[in-house]
Amino acid sequence: MFDIAPTELLLVAFVALVVIGPKDLPKAMRVVGYWVGRARGVARQFRSGFDTMVREAELEEMEKRWAAENERIMREHPAPTAETTDASHTRPPHDSITYGSEDTTQAAVMVERPHVDPAPAVESVPVDPEPIDPKPAEPEPVGSAHAHGDATPPLDRPGRTEGAAS
């Protein structure tokens, strides 16, 4: 779009330094940066609005194509009426199936419903349940020897000191 060489940028910077002066140059660069940022924001907003319009147009076109394809399918395969349907509610067999606008056709395949035999009955062997203790065991205290798995008190284990927190 714009072709600005590095030498041209140096020339513009030198002219700005001479005309504006070193004292006001930082303020001028801030103003230029502000306006460049605003211009980029407007361009970004325009681009996103344009992209949104293009996307919506593509969606409308796809919806039109979908509606036309749906209408074509409904014309080729009309909904069965009460007079043409039988008690099993099966669809009549077709000679071929076409997919979209392609020339590919293939013969329809009729599949019968599989016959499933019931599973043979399994005799269960009576299991003797574990006898229930009439008196439940009392819970052990937290610091007991059985809770730690050994008889050594926690402070006497190697690596522990008397004042260490556990």
N, C-alpha and C. Protein backbone atom coordinates (compact mmCIF):
# COMPACT_ATOMS: atom_id res chain seq x y z
N MET A 1 0.84 -1.17 0.00
CA MET A 1 0.00 0.00 0.00
C MET A 1 0.89 1.24 0.00
N PHE A 2 1.45 1.62 1.13
CA PHE A 2 2.41 2.72 1.17
C PHE A 2 3.79 2.11 1.24
N ASP A 3 4.68 2.65 0.46
CA ASP A 3 6.04 2.15 0.48
C ASP A 3 6.94 3.25 1.03
N ILE A 4 7.31 3.12 2.30
CA ILE A 4 8.17 4.11 2.94
C ILE A 4 9.47 3.43 3.30
N ALA A 5 10.55 3.90 2.73
CA ALA A 5 11.87 3.33 2.98
C ALA A 5 12.43 3.89 4.29
N PRO A 6 13.39 3.18 4.91
CA PRO A 6 14.00 3.69 6.15
C PRO A 6 14.69 5.03 5.96
N THR A 7 15.24 5.30 4.80
CA THR A 7 15.89 6.61 4.58
C THR A 7 14.86 7.73 4.58
N GLU A 8 13.68 7.48 4.06
CA GLU A 8 12.62 8.49 4.09
C GLU A 8 12.17 8.76 5.52
N LEU A 9 12.11 7.71 6.35
CA LEU A 9 11.75 7.90 7.76
C LEU A 9 12.81 8.74 8.48
N LEU A 10 14.08 8.50 8.19
CA LEU A 10 15.15 9.31 8.80
C LEU A 10 15.04 10.77 8.37
N LEU A 11 14.71 11.01 7.12
CA LEU A 11 14.56 12.38 6.63
C LEU A 11 13.41 13.07 7.33
N VAL A 12 12.26 12.38 7.51
CA VAL A 12 11.11 12.96 8.21
C VAL A 12 11.47 13.24 9.67
N ALA A 13 12.20 12.34 10.32
CA ALA A 13 12.60 12.55 11.72
C ALA A 13 13.54 13.74 11.84
N PHE A 14 14.46 13.92 10.91
CA PHE A 14 15.40 15.05 10.96
C PHE A 14 14.66 16.36 10.75
N VAL A 15 13.71 16.41 9.80
CA VAL A 15 12.93 17.63 9.56
C VAL A 15 12.09 17.95 10.79
N ALA A 16 11.47 16.92 11.41
CA ALA A 16 10.67 17.15 12.62
C ALA A 16 11.54 17.68 13.74
N LEU A 17 12.76 17.18 13.88
CA LEU A 17 13.67 17.65 14.93
C LEU A 17 14.05 19.11 14.70
N VAL A 18 14.28 19.49 13.45
CA VAL A 18 14.67 20.87 13.14
C VAL A 18 13.47 21.81 13.28
N VAL A 19 12.31 21.42 12.76
CA VAL A 19 11.15 22.30 12.76
C VAL A 19 10.52 22.40 14.14
N ILE A 20 10.28 21.27 14.80
CA ILE A 20 9.59 21.28 16.09
C ILE A 20 10.57 21.62 17.22
N GLY A 21 11.75 21.09 17.13
CA GLY A 21 12.74 21.34 18.17
C GLY A 21 12.80 20.18 19.15
N PRO A 22 13.96 20.01 19.79
CA PRO A 22 14.12 18.88 20.70
C PRO A 22 13.25 18.98 21.96
N LYS A 23 12.87 20.19 22.34
CA LYS A 23 12.09 20.36 23.56
C LYS A 23 10.65 19.87 23.36
N ASP A 24 10.01 20.17 22.25
CA ASP A 24 8.61 19.82 22.02
C ASP A 24 8.43 18.53 21.22
N LEU A 25 9.53 17.89 20.81
CA LEU A 25 9.43 16.68 20.00
C LEU A 25 8.73 15.52 20.73
N PRO A 26 9.03 15.24 22.03
CA PRO A 26 8.31 14.15 22.69
C PRO A 26 6.80 14.36 22.75
N LYS A 27 6.37 15.61 23.02
CA LYS A 27 4.94 15.90 23.06
C LYS A 27 4.32 15.69 21.68
N ALA A 28 4.99 16.12 20.65
CA ALA A 28 4.49 15.95 19.29
C ALA A 28 4.40 14.47 18.92
N MET A 29 5.37 13.67 19.36
CA MET A 29 5.33 12.23 19.07
C MET A 29 4.17 11.56 19.79
N ARG A 30 3.87 12.01 21.04
CA ARG A 30 2.71 11.47 21.76
C ARG A 30 1.42 11.78 21.02
N VAL A 31 1.28 13.01 20.51
CA VAL A 31 0.07 13.39 19.77
C VAL A 31 -0.04 12.57 18.49
N VAL A 32 1.07 12.42 17.79
CA VAL A 32 1.05 11.61 16.56
C VAL A 32 0.70 10.16 16.89
N GLY A 33 1.27 9.61 17.96
CA GLY A 33 0.95 8.24 18.38
C GLY A 33 -0.52 8.08 18.74
N TYR A 34 -1.09 9.09 19.41
CA TYR A 34 -2.50 9.05 19.77
C TYR A 34 -3.37 8.97 18.51
N TRP A 35 -3.10 9.84 17.54
CA TRP A 35 -3.92 9.86 16.33
C TRP A 35 -3.71 8.61 15.47
N VAL A 36 -2.50 8.07 15.46
CA VAL A 36 -2.27 6.81 14.72
C VAL A 36 -3.06 5.68 15.39
N GLY A 37 -3.09 5.65 16.72
CA GLY A 37 -3.87 4.64 17.43
C GLY A 37 -5.35 4.76 17.15
N ARG A 38 -5.86 5.99 17.11
CA ARG A 38 -7.28 6.19 16.79
C ARG A 38 -7.59 5.72 15.37
N ALA A 39 -6.69 6.03 14.42
CA ALA A 39 -6.90 5.60 13.03
C ALA A 39 -6.90 4.07 12.93
N ARG A 40 -5.99 3.42 13.66
CA ARG A 40 -5.97 1.95 13.65
C ARG A 40 -7.25 1.38 14.24
N GLY A 41 -7.76 2.01 15.31
CA GLY A 41 -9.01 1.55 15.93
C GLY A 41 -10.19 1.66 14.97
N VAL A 42 -10.26 2.77 14.23
CA VAL A 42 -11.34 2.94 13.26
C VAL A 42 -11.21 1.89 12.15
N ALA A 43 -9.99 1.65 11.70
CA ALA A 43 -9.77 0.64 10.64
C ALA A 43 -10.14 -0.75 11.15
N ARG A 44 -9.79 -1.06 12.39
CA ARG A 44 -10.12 -2.36 12.98
C ARG A 44 -11.63 -2.54 13.08
N GLN A 45 -12.33 -1.47 13.51
CA GLN A 45 -13.78 -1.53 13.63
C GLN A 45 -14.43 -1.71 12.26
N PHE A 46 -13.94 -0.99 11.25
CA PHE A 46 -14.47 -1.13 9.90
C PHE A 46 -14.26 -2.55 9.39
N ARG A 47 -13.05 -3.09 9.61
CA ARG A 47 -12.73 -4.44 9.14
C ARG A 47 -13.62 -5.49 9.83
N SER A 48 -13.83 -5.35 11.15
CA SER A 48 -14.66 -6.33 11.86
C SER A 48 -16.11 -6.23 11.41
N GLY A 49 -16.61 -5.01 11.15
CA GLY A 49 -17.97 -4.85 10.64
C GLY A 49 -18.12 -5.45 9.26
N PHE A 50 -17.13 -5.25 8.41
CA PHE A 50 -17.16 -5.83 7.07
C PHE A 50 -17.12 -7.36 7.14
N ASP A 51 -16.26 -7.90 8.00
CA ASP A 51 -16.19 -9.36 8.17
C ASP A 51 -17.52 -9.93 8.66
N THR A 52 -18.19 -9.22 9.56
CA THR A 52 -19.48 -9.67 10.08
C THR A 52 -20.52 -9.69 8.96
N MET A 53 -20.52 -8.65 8.11
CA MET A 53 -21.47 -8.62 7.00
C MET A 53 -21.22 -9.77 6.03
N VAL A 54 -19.96 -10.05 5.73
CA VAL A 54 -19.63 -11.15 4.83
C VAL A 54 -20.06 -12.48 5.43
N ARG A 55 -19.79 -12.67 6.72
CA ARG A 55 -20.17 -13.92 7.40
C ARG A 55 -21.69 -14.11 7.38
N GLU A 56 -22.45 -13.04 7.63
CA GLU A 56 -23.91 -13.14 7.61
C GLU A 56 -24.42 -13.46 6.21
N ALA A 57 -23.79 -12.86 5.19
CA ALA A 57 -24.20 -13.15 3.81
C ALA A 57 -23.92 -14.61 3.46
N GLU A 58 -22.79 -15.12 3.90
CA GLU A 58 -22.47 -16.53 3.65
C GLU A 58 -23.47 -17.45 4.36
N LEU A 59 -23.85 -17.10 5.59
CA LEU A 59 -24.83 -17.91 6.32
C LEU A 59 -26.19 -17.89 5.62
N GLU A 60 -26.61 -16.73 5.12
CA GLU A 60 -27.88 -16.66 4.40
C GLU A 60 -27.83 -17.52 3.15
N GLU A 61 -26.70 -17.47 2.43
CA GLU A 61 -26.56 -18.29 1.23
C GLU A 61 -26.61 -19.77 1.58
N MET A 62 -25.96 -20.16 2.65
CA MET A 62 -25.99 -21.56 3.08
C MET A 62 -27.41 -21.97 3.48
N GLU A 63 -28.15 -21.10 4.16
CA GLU A 63 -29.52 -21.40 4.53
C GLU A 63 -30.40 -21.58 3.31
N LYS A 64 -30.19 -20.74 2.28
CA LYS A 64 -30.96 -20.88 1.04
C LYS A 64 -30.66 -22.21 0.36
N ARG A 65 -29.37 -22.56 0.30
CA ARG A 65 -29.00 -23.84 -0.30
C ARG A 65 -29.58 -25.01 0.49
N TRP A 66 -29.55 -24.90 1.83
CA TRP A 66 -30.11 -25.95 2.68
C TRP A 66 -31.61 -26.09 2.45
N ALA A 67 -32.31 -24.95 2.36
CA ALA A 67 -33.75 -24.99 2.15
C ALA A 67 -34.07 -25.60 0.78
N ALA A 68 -33.30 -25.24 -0.25
CA ALA A 68 -33.54 -25.80 -1.58
C ALA A 68 -33.27 -27.31 -1.59
N GLU A 69 -32.21 -27.73 -0.93
CA GLU A 69 -31.88 -29.17 -0.86
C GLU A 69 -32.95 -29.91 -0.07
N ASN A 70 -33.42 -29.32 1.01
CA ASN A 70 -34.47 -29.94 1.82
C ASN A 70 -35.75 -30.07 1.01
N GLU A 71 -36.09 -29.03 0.25
CA GLU A 71 -37.28 -29.07 -0.59
C GLU A 71 -37.16 -30.15 -1.66
N ARG A 72 -35.97 -30.27 -2.28
CA ARG A 72 -35.75 -31.30 -3.29
C ARG A 72 -35.92 -32.69 -2.69
N ILE A 73 -35.38 -32.90 -1.50
CA ILE A 73 -35.48 -34.20 -0.83
C ILE A 73 -36.93 -34.51 -0.49
N MET A 74 -37.67 -33.51 -0.03
CA MET A 74 -39.06 -33.74 0.33
C MET A 74 -39.90 -34.04 -0.92
N ARG A 75 -39.55 -33.44 -2.08
CA ARG A 75 -40.26 -33.75 -3.32
C ARG A 75 -39.97 -35.17 -3.77
N GLU A 76 -38.69 -35.59 -3.64
CA GLU A 76 -38.31 -36.94 -4.07
C GLU A 76 -38.87 -38.01 -3.15
N HIS A 77 -38.96 -37.73 -1.88
CA HIS A 77 -39.41 -38.70 -0.89
C HIS A 77 -40.56 -38.08 -0.09
N PRO A 78 -41.75 -38.10 -0.64
CA PRO A 78 -42.87 -37.49 0.08
C PRO A 78 -43.17 -38.27 1.36
N ALA A 79 -43.74 -37.58 2.31
CA ALA A 79 -44.09 -38.20 3.59
C ALA A 79 -45.20 -39.22 3.34
N PRO A 80 -45.09 -40.41 3.94
CA PRO A 80 -46.13 -41.42 3.72
C PRO A 80 -47.46 -40.99 4.34
N THR A 81 -48.53 -41.30 3.63
CA THR A 81 -49.86 -40.97 4.16
C THR A 81 -50.39 -42.18 4.90
N ALA A 82 -51.51 -42.02 5.57
CA ALA A 82 -52.09 -43.11 6.37
C ALA A 82 -52.52 -44.26 5.47
N GLU A 83 -52.91 -43.98 4.21
CA GLU A 83 -53.36 -45.03 3.31
C GLU A 83 -52.21 -45.89 2.81
N THR A 84 -51.01 -45.29 2.63
CA THR A 84 -49.90 -46.03 2.05
C THR A 84 -49.06 -46.76 3.08
N THR A 85 -49.20 -46.43 4.35
CA THR A 85 -48.39 -47.10 5.36
C THR A 85 -49.07 -48.37 5.81
N ASP A 86 -48.28 -49.37 6.14
CA ASP A 86 -48.84 -50.61 6.67
C ASP A 86 -48.65 -50.64 8.18
N ALA A 87 -49.00 -51.73 8.80
CA ALA A 87 -48.98 -51.82 10.27
C ALA A 87 -47.57 -51.77 10.83
N SER A 88 -46.57 -52.18 10.05
CA SER A 88 -45.20 -52.22 10.60
C SER A 88 -44.50 -50.88 10.47
N HIS A 89 -45.09 -49.90 9.77
CA HIS A 89 -44.51 -48.57 9.60
C HIS A 89 -43.12 -48.63 9.00
N THR A 90 -42.91 -49.44 7.99
CA THR A 90 -41.62 -49.49 7.33
C THR A 90 -41.66 -48.64 6.09
N ARG A 91 -40.51 -48.14 5.68
CA ARG A 91 -40.42 -47.33 4.47
C ARG A 91 -40.31 -48.26 3.27
N PRO A 92 -40.87 -47.87 2.13
CA PRO A 92 -40.75 -48.70 0.94
C PRO A 92 -39.30 -48.72 0.46
N PRO A 93 -38.84 -49.84 -0.11
CA PRO A 93 -37.47 -49.89 -0.59
C PRO A 93 -37.29 -49.01 -1.82
N HIS A 94 -36.11 -48.41 -1.93
CA HIS A 94 -35.76 -47.56 -3.07
C HIS A 94 -34.74 -48.30 -3.92
N ASP A 95 -34.75 -48.00 -5.22
CA ASP A 95 -33.80 -48.65 -6.11
C ASP A 95 -32.39 -48.11 -5.91
N SER A 96 -32.25 -46.81 -5.68
CA SER A 96 -30.92 -46.24 -5.49
C SER A 96 -31.02 -45.03 -4.59
N ILE A 97 -29.90 -44.67 -4.05
CA ILE A 97 -29.81 -43.53 -3.15
C ILE A 97 -28.82 -42.56 -3.78
N THR A 98 -29.18 -41.28 -3.89
CA THR A 98 -28.25 -40.28 -4.40
C THR A 98 -27.88 -39.36 -3.26
N TYR A 99 -26.64 -38.92 -3.27
CA TYR A 99 -26.13 -38.04 -2.21
C TYR A 99 -25.83 -36.68 -2.81
N GLY A 100 -26.63 -35.68 -2.47
CA GLY A 100 -26.38 -34.31 -2.92
C GLY A 100 -26.46 -34.22 -4.43
N SER A 101 -25.58 -33.43 -5.03
CA SER A 101 -25.57 -33.25 -6.47
C SER A 101 -24.56 -34.17 -7.13
N GLU A 102 -23.99 -35.10 -6.38
CA GLU A 102 -23.00 -36.02 -6.94
C GLU A 102 -23.69 -37.06 -7.80
N ASP A 103 -22.96 -37.68 -8.70
CA ASP A 103 -23.50 -38.72 -9.56
C ASP A 103 -23.40 -40.10 -8.92
N THR A 104 -22.94 -40.18 -7.69
CA THR A 104 -22.74 -41.45 -7.03
C THR A 104 -24.09 -42.04 -6.63
N THR A 105 -24.37 -43.24 -7.09
CA THR A 105 -25.59 -43.93 -6.68
C THR A 105 -25.19 -45.32 -6.23
N GLN A 106 -25.92 -45.84 -5.28
CA GLN A 106 -25.65 -47.18 -4.81
C GLN A 106 -26.98 -47.83 -4.46
N ALA A 107 -27.01 -49.14 -4.58
CA ALA A 107 -28.24 -49.88 -4.31
C ALA A 107 -28.56 -49.83 -2.83
N ALA A 108 -29.85 -49.74 -2.53
CA ALA A 108 -30.28 -49.71 -1.13
C ALA A 108 -30.12 -51.10 -0.54
N VAL A 109 -29.76 -51.17 0.71
CA VAL A 109 -29.55 -52.45 1.38
C VAL A 109 -30.67 -52.65 2.39
N MET A 110 -31.32 -53.77 2.32
CA MET A 110 -32.39 -54.09 3.27
C MET A 110 -31.78 -54.95 4.37
N VAL A 111 -32.00 -54.59 5.59
CA VAL A 111 -31.44 -55.30 6.73
C VAL A 111 -32.59 -55.82 7.57
N GLU A 112 -32.52 -57.10 7.91
CA GLU A 112 -33.55 -57.68 8.76
C GLU A 112 -33.21 -57.44 10.21
N ARG A 113 -34.23 -57.44 11.02
CA ARG A 113 -34.02 -57.24 12.45
C ARG A 113 -33.41 -58.52 13.03
N PRO A 114 -32.32 -58.43 13.77
CA PRO A 114 -31.69 -59.64 14.31
C PRO A 114 -32.55 -60.28 15.39
N HIS A 115 -32.46 -61.60 15.45
CA HIS A 115 -33.19 -62.34 16.48
C HIS A 115 -32.24 -62.57 17.65
N VAL A 116 -32.66 -62.18 18.84
CA VAL A 116 -31.84 -62.31 20.03
C VAL A 116 -32.46 -63.35 20.93
N ASP A 117 -31.67 -64.41 21.23
CA ASP A 117 -32.13 -65.44 22.15
C ASP A 117 -31.90 -64.98 23.57
N PRO A 118 -32.80 -65.32 24.49
CA PRO A 118 -32.57 -64.94 25.88
C PRO A 118 -31.38 -65.71 26.44
N ALA A 119 -30.69 -65.10 27.37
CA ALA A 119 -29.52 -65.73 28.00
C ALA A 119 -29.98 -66.88 28.88
N PRO A 120 -29.17 -67.97 28.93
CA PRO A 120 -29.55 -69.11 29.78
C PRO A 120 -29.51 -68.71 31.25
N ALA A 121 -30.39 -69.34 32.01
CA ALA A 121 -30.46 -69.03 33.43
C ALA A 121 -29.25 -69.61 34.15
N VAL A 122 -28.66 -68.85 35.04
CA VAL A 122 -27.50 -69.29 35.81
C VAL A 122 -27.97 -69.61 37.22
N GLU A 123 -27.63 -70.83 37.65
CA GLU A 123 -28.02 -71.20 39.02
C GLU A 123 -27.06 -70.55 39.99
N SER A 124 -27.61 -69.95 41.01
CA SER A 124 -26.76 -69.29 41.99
C SER A 124 -26.47 -70.26 43.13
N VAL A 125 -25.23 -70.21 43.58
CA VAL A 125 -24.80 -71.05 44.68
C VAL A 125 -24.98 -70.23 45.96
N PRO A 126 -25.68 -70.75 46.96
CA PRO A 126 -25.87 -69.97 48.19
C PRO A 126 -24.52 -69.75 48.87
N VAL A 127 -24.27 -68.52 49.24
CA VAL A 127 -23.03 -68.15 49.90
C VAL A 127 -23.34 -67.94 51.37
N ASP A 128 -22.51 -68.55 52.21
CA ASP A 128 -22.70 -68.40 53.64
C ASP A 128 -22.19 -67.03 54.05
N PRO A 129 -23.07 -66.15 54.49
CA PRO A 129 -22.60 -64.81 54.86
C PRO A 129 -21.73 -64.86 56.12
N GLU A 130 -20.86 -63.88 56.20
CA GLU A 130 -19.97 -63.78 57.36
C GLU A 130 -20.82 -63.49 58.59
N PRO A 131 -20.58 -64.23 59.68
CA PRO A 131 -21.41 -64.00 60.87
C PRO A 131 -21.20 -62.58 61.39
N ILE A 132 -22.29 -61.98 61.83
CA ILE A 132 -22.25 -60.62 62.34
C ILE A 132 -21.94 -60.67 63.83
N ASP A 133 -20.93 -59.86 64.21
CA ASP A 133 -20.55 -59.77 65.61
C ASP A 133 -21.62 -58.96 66.33
N PRO A 134 -22.23 -59.52 67.41
CA PRO A 134 -23.31 -58.79 68.09
C PRO A 134 -22.80 -57.53 68.77
N LYS A 135 -21.52 -57.47 69.15
CA LYS A 135 -20.99 -56.31 69.85
C LYS A 135 -19.97 -55.64 68.92
N PRO A 136 -20.25 -54.41 68.42
CA PRO A 136 -19.30 -53.75 67.52
C PRO A 136 -18.02 -53.37 68.26
N ALA A 137 -16.91 -53.38 67.50
CA ALA A 137 -15.61 -53.02 68.10
C ALA A 137 -15.59 -51.53 68.37
N GLU A 138 -14.94 -51.15 69.46
CA GLU A 138 -14.83 -49.74 69.82
C GLU A 138 -13.71 -49.11 69.00
N PRO A 139 -13.89 -47.86 68.58
CA PRO A 139 -12.82 -47.20 67.81
C PRO A 139 -11.60 -46.97 68.69
N GLU A 140 -10.43 -47.13 68.06
CA GLU A 140 -9.19 -46.94 68.80
C GLU A 140 -8.84 -45.46 68.84
N PRO A 141 -8.15 -45.02 69.87
CA PRO A 141 -7.72 -43.62 69.94
C PRO A 141 -6.73 -43.33 68.81
N VAL A 142 -6.63 -42.08 68.42
CA VAL A 142 -5.79 -41.68 67.30
C VAL A 142 -4.33 -41.98 67.55
N GLY A 143 -3.83 -41.77 68.71
CA GLY A 143 -2.42 -41.97 69.00
C GLY A 143 -2.06 -43.38 69.40
N SER A 144 -2.94 -44.36 69.22
CA SER A 144 -2.66 -45.72 69.68
C SER A 144 -1.65 -46.40 68.77
N ALA A 145 -1.11 -47.51 69.24
CA ALA A 145 -0.08 -48.26 68.51
C ALA A 145 -0.67 -48.89 67.26
N HIS A 146 -1.93 -49.32 67.28
CA HIS A 146 -2.53 -49.96 66.11
C HIS A 146 -2.78 -48.95 65.00
N ALA A 147 -3.03 -47.68 65.34
CA ALA A 147 -3.27 -46.67 64.32
C ALA A 147 -2.02 -46.42 63.51
N HIS A 148 -0.81 -46.55 64.12
CA HIS A 148 0.44 -46.31 63.40
C HIS A 148 1.02 -47.59 62.84
N GLY A 149 0.53 -48.71 63.22
CA GLY A 149 1.02 -49.97 62.70
C GLY A 149 2.21 -50.51 63.47
N ASP A 150 2.67 -49.86 64.49
CA ASP A 150 3.77 -50.40 65.31
C ASP A 150 3.56 -49.93 66.75
N ALA A 151 4.36 -50.48 67.62
CA ALA A 151 4.21 -50.18 69.04
C ALA A 151 5.08 -49.01 69.47
N THR A 152 5.85 -48.41 68.56
CA THR A 152 6.73 -47.31 68.93
C THR A 152 5.92 -46.02 69.02
N PRO A 153 6.04 -45.30 70.12
CA PRO A 153 5.33 -44.02 70.21
C PRO A 153 5.86 -43.06 69.13
N PRO A 154 5.06 -42.11 68.67
CA PRO A 154 5.45 -41.24 67.56
C PRO A 154 6.70 -40.42 67.83
N LEU A 155 6.95 -39.98 69.06
CA LEU A 155 8.11 -39.14 69.32
C LEU A 155 9.41 -39.94 69.38
N ASP A 156 9.34 -41.25 69.56
CA ASP A 156 10.55 -42.06 69.65
C ASP A 156 11.00 -42.60 68.30
N ARG A 157 10.32 -42.27 67.24
CA ARG A 157 10.74 -42.73 65.92
C ARG A 157 11.98 -41.98 65.48
N PRO A 158 12.79 -42.60 64.65
CA PRO A 158 13.98 -41.89 64.15
C PRO A 158 13.55 -40.70 63.29
N GLY A 159 14.29 -39.60 63.39
CA GLY A 159 14.01 -38.40 62.62
C GLY A 159 13.05 -37.46 63.29
N ARG A 160 12.53 -37.82 64.44
CA ARG A 160 11.59 -36.95 65.15
C ARG A 160 12.28 -36.39 66.38
N THR A 161 11.95 -35.19 66.71
CA THR A 161 12.46 -34.58 67.94
C THR A 161 11.28 -34.31 68.85
N GLU A 162 11.59 -34.04 70.07
CA GLU A 162 10.55 -33.91 71.06
C GLU A 162 9.69 -32.66 70.80
N GLY A 163 10.28 -31.60 70.30
CA GLY A 163 9.54 -30.37 70.10
C GLY A 163 8.96 -30.24 68.69
N ALA A 164 9.15 -31.23 67.82
CA ALA A 164 8.71 -31.11 66.42
C ALA A 164 7.20 -31.33 66.33
N ALA A 165 6.59 -30.55 65.46
CA ALA A 165 5.14 -30.69 65.23
C ALA A 165 4.90 -31.82 64.25
N SER A 166 3.82 -32.57 64.45
CA SER A 166 3.55 -33.69 63.55
C SER A 166 2.48 -33.36 62.57
